[in-house]
Each structure stands twice: as structure tokens, then as C-alpha cells.
Amino acid sequence: MKKSITLLALILTLSSALFAKTTPADELITINPLRTALGVGISVNANDASRSVVRIYNADNTIQFIDQLAKKGTAAKAYILKDLEDGNYTIEVATKNQVVKKQIHVYNEDGKKSFFIFQ
């Protein structure tokens, strides 16, 4: 009887761990274009966003920029992209066990630099 109660408690504990709610990376990390400048806004909705790292890679996977968010709790920061040359880039935001990557394309249109984010 004692062994069956212990076994039942173990099974309940393991089954509850299987159904524990995890938050998808896209809900924790958002990357959106800025409305008034050529850039992106990045926000991390985590308990400790200070461990979050933002990296921008070019098409050859060479790091063009790296930054660590320095705020505990939720953090948001804008990154201006006007100094990037025309081409394809990857923005990667990593926090704890979550990573979000977005592809962007920087180009000139009628002498004005612009970009778009692939969805």
C-alpha cells in the first residue's frame, strides 16, 4: 500500500511536469520596426531581461553588432539601422533558453535607405 501511494505521487508529479505551461519565445521577445526612424524596437518581457543579448549578423554570418540589455525585468531598446550597408541581415535576440531570429533586408529606394522584416 505504501509503495502504491509513493508510485502514484511520483506519476502525478511527472505528469504535471509534462503539462507545465511554457511561454513561447515570440511572446517573450518582440522585434518591430520603429515608426519614426530607420530601425527596430526590441522588447524582452522576462523576469530578468539583463541576461538578454542582441546580435546582428550579415549574410556571411559575421557579427555586425552585439549588445546586452542591462535592465532587470522587462526591457525595451531601439536599434538604428541607417549605418548598415544594403543587404540581408539576421537580428537575433537571446534570453535564457529562448532565441528569436528575424531576417531583415536593407536597401536604397530613390536615394533613401529603407528596410523590411521578413515574417
Protein backbone atom coordinates (compact mmCIF):
# COMPACT_ATOMS: atom_id res chain seq x y z
CA MET A 1 0.00 0.00 0.00
CA LYS A 2 2.79 2.40 0.93
CA LYS A 3 4.62 1.65 -2.32
CA SER A 4 1.49 2.24 -4.42
CA ILE A 5 0.93 5.67 -2.79
CA THR A 6 4.56 6.61 -3.44
CA LEU A 7 4.27 5.39 -7.02
CA LEU A 8 1.04 7.35 -7.52
CA ALA A 9 2.66 10.55 -6.14
CA LEU A 10 5.61 10.07 -8.49
CA ILE A 11 3.35 9.59 -11.51
CA LEU A 12 1.31 12.70 -10.63
CA THR A 13 4.47 14.78 -10.24
CA LEU A 14 5.88 13.63 -13.58
CA SER A 15 2.61 14.13 -15.43
CA SER A 16 2.20 17.67 -14.08
CA ALA A 17 5.73 18.49 -15.24
CA LEU A 18 4.81 17.36 -18.74
CA PHE A 19 1.88 19.76 -18.89
CA ALA A 20 3.61 22.74 -17.26
CA LYS A 21 2.96 25.93 -19.17
CA THR A 22 5.91 27.30 -21.11
CA THR A 23 5.87 30.67 -22.81
CA PRO A 24 6.81 30.65 -26.50
CA ALA A 25 9.81 32.81 -27.45
CA ASP A 26 7.64 35.04 -29.68
CA GLU A 27 5.61 36.05 -26.63
CA LEU A 28 8.71 36.91 -24.59
CA ILE A 29 10.69 38.67 -27.31
CA THR A 30 9.28 41.11 -29.87
CA ILE A 31 11.04 42.81 -32.77
CA ASN A 32 9.12 45.60 -34.52
CA PRO A 33 10.05 48.40 -36.93
CA LEU A 34 10.29 51.89 -35.46
CA ARG A 35 7.69 54.37 -36.70
CA THR A 36 9.85 57.49 -36.82
CA ALA A 37 13.36 56.23 -37.63
CA LEU A 38 15.15 53.62 -39.71
CA GLY A 39 15.45 50.95 -37.07
CA VAL A 40 13.84 48.29 -34.94
CA GLY A 41 12.48 48.22 -31.41
CA ILE A 42 13.24 45.14 -29.36
CA SER A 43 11.47 44.28 -26.14
CA VAL A 44 12.02 41.36 -23.80
CA ASN A 45 9.22 40.54 -21.37
CA ALA A 46 11.16 38.37 -18.96
CA ASN A 47 11.75 38.46 -15.23
CA ASP A 48 15.42 39.12 -15.82
CA ALA A 49 16.00 40.67 -19.23
CA SER A 50 19.51 41.74 -18.22
CA ARG A 51 20.80 38.42 -19.49
CA SER A 52 19.36 39.13 -22.93
CA VAL A 53 21.75 39.63 -25.84
CA VAL A 54 21.01 41.27 -29.20
CA ARG A 55 23.17 40.31 -32.19
CA ILE A 56 23.02 41.48 -35.79
CA TYR A 57 24.68 39.24 -38.40
CA ASN A 58 25.28 39.97 -42.07
CA ALA A 59 24.61 37.45 -44.87
CA ASP A 60 28.02 35.84 -44.24
CA ASN A 61 27.12 35.23 -40.55
CA THR A 62 29.66 37.82 -39.42
CA ILE A 63 28.57 39.73 -36.32
CA GLN A 64 27.98 43.37 -37.20
CA PHE A 65 26.69 44.42 -33.79
CA ILE A 66 26.28 42.94 -30.32
CA ASP A 67 24.58 44.43 -27.26
CA GLN A 68 23.47 43.18 -23.86
CA LEU A 69 20.27 44.56 -22.38
CA ALA A 70 21.13 45.99 -18.98
CA LYS A 71 17.82 46.12 -17.15
CA LYS A 72 16.19 43.71 -14.76
CA GLY A 73 12.62 42.85 -15.54
CA THR A 74 11.10 43.87 -18.86
CA ALA A 75 13.50 45.72 -21.16
CA ALA A 76 12.99 47.63 -24.41
CA LYS A 77 15.54 49.27 -26.65
CA ALA A 78 15.69 50.82 -30.12
CA TYR A 79 18.38 49.98 -32.65
CA ILE A 80 19.01 52.33 -35.58
CA LEU A 81 19.95 50.54 -38.81
CA LYS A 82 20.95 53.50 -41.03
CA ASP A 83 24.67 52.62 -40.92
CA LEU A 84 24.14 49.10 -42.29
CA GLU A 85 25.05 48.60 -45.92
CA ASP A 86 22.47 47.28 -48.37
CA GLY A 87 21.94 43.56 -47.97
CA ASN A 88 20.41 40.83 -45.85
CA TYR A 89 20.88 40.62 -42.10
CA THR A 90 19.72 38.49 -39.18
CA ILE A 91 18.67 40.02 -35.88
CA GLU A 92 18.97 37.52 -33.04
CA VAL A 93 17.68 38.13 -29.53
CA ALA A 94 18.56 35.52 -26.91
CA THR A 95 17.31 35.43 -23.33
CA LYS A 96 17.86 32.46 -21.02
CA ASN A 97 16.60 29.46 -23.05
CA GLN A 98 14.67 31.47 -25.67
CA VAL A 99 16.01 32.72 -29.02
CA VAL A 100 14.16 34.74 -31.66
CA LYS A 101 15.69 35.39 -35.07
CA LYS A 102 14.30 37.76 -37.69
CA GLN A 103 15.62 38.31 -41.19
CA ILE A 104 15.79 41.89 -42.47
CA HIS A 105 16.66 43.36 -45.85
CA VAL A 106 18.27 46.81 -46.05
CA TYR A 107 18.09 48.63 -49.39
CA ASN A 108 18.07 52.07 -51.06
CA GLU A 109 14.92 53.32 -52.71
CA ASP A 110 15.17 56.60 -54.65
CA GLY A 111 18.29 57.55 -52.67
CA LYS A 112 16.64 56.87 -49.32
CA LYS A 113 17.68 53.94 -47.15
CA SER A 114 14.89 51.59 -46.11
CA PHE A 115 14.40 48.06 -44.80
CA PHE A 116 11.79 45.40 -44.23
CA ILE A 117 11.48 42.50 -41.82
CA PHE A 118 10.68 39.07 -43.24
CA GLN A 119 7.81 37.46 -41.33
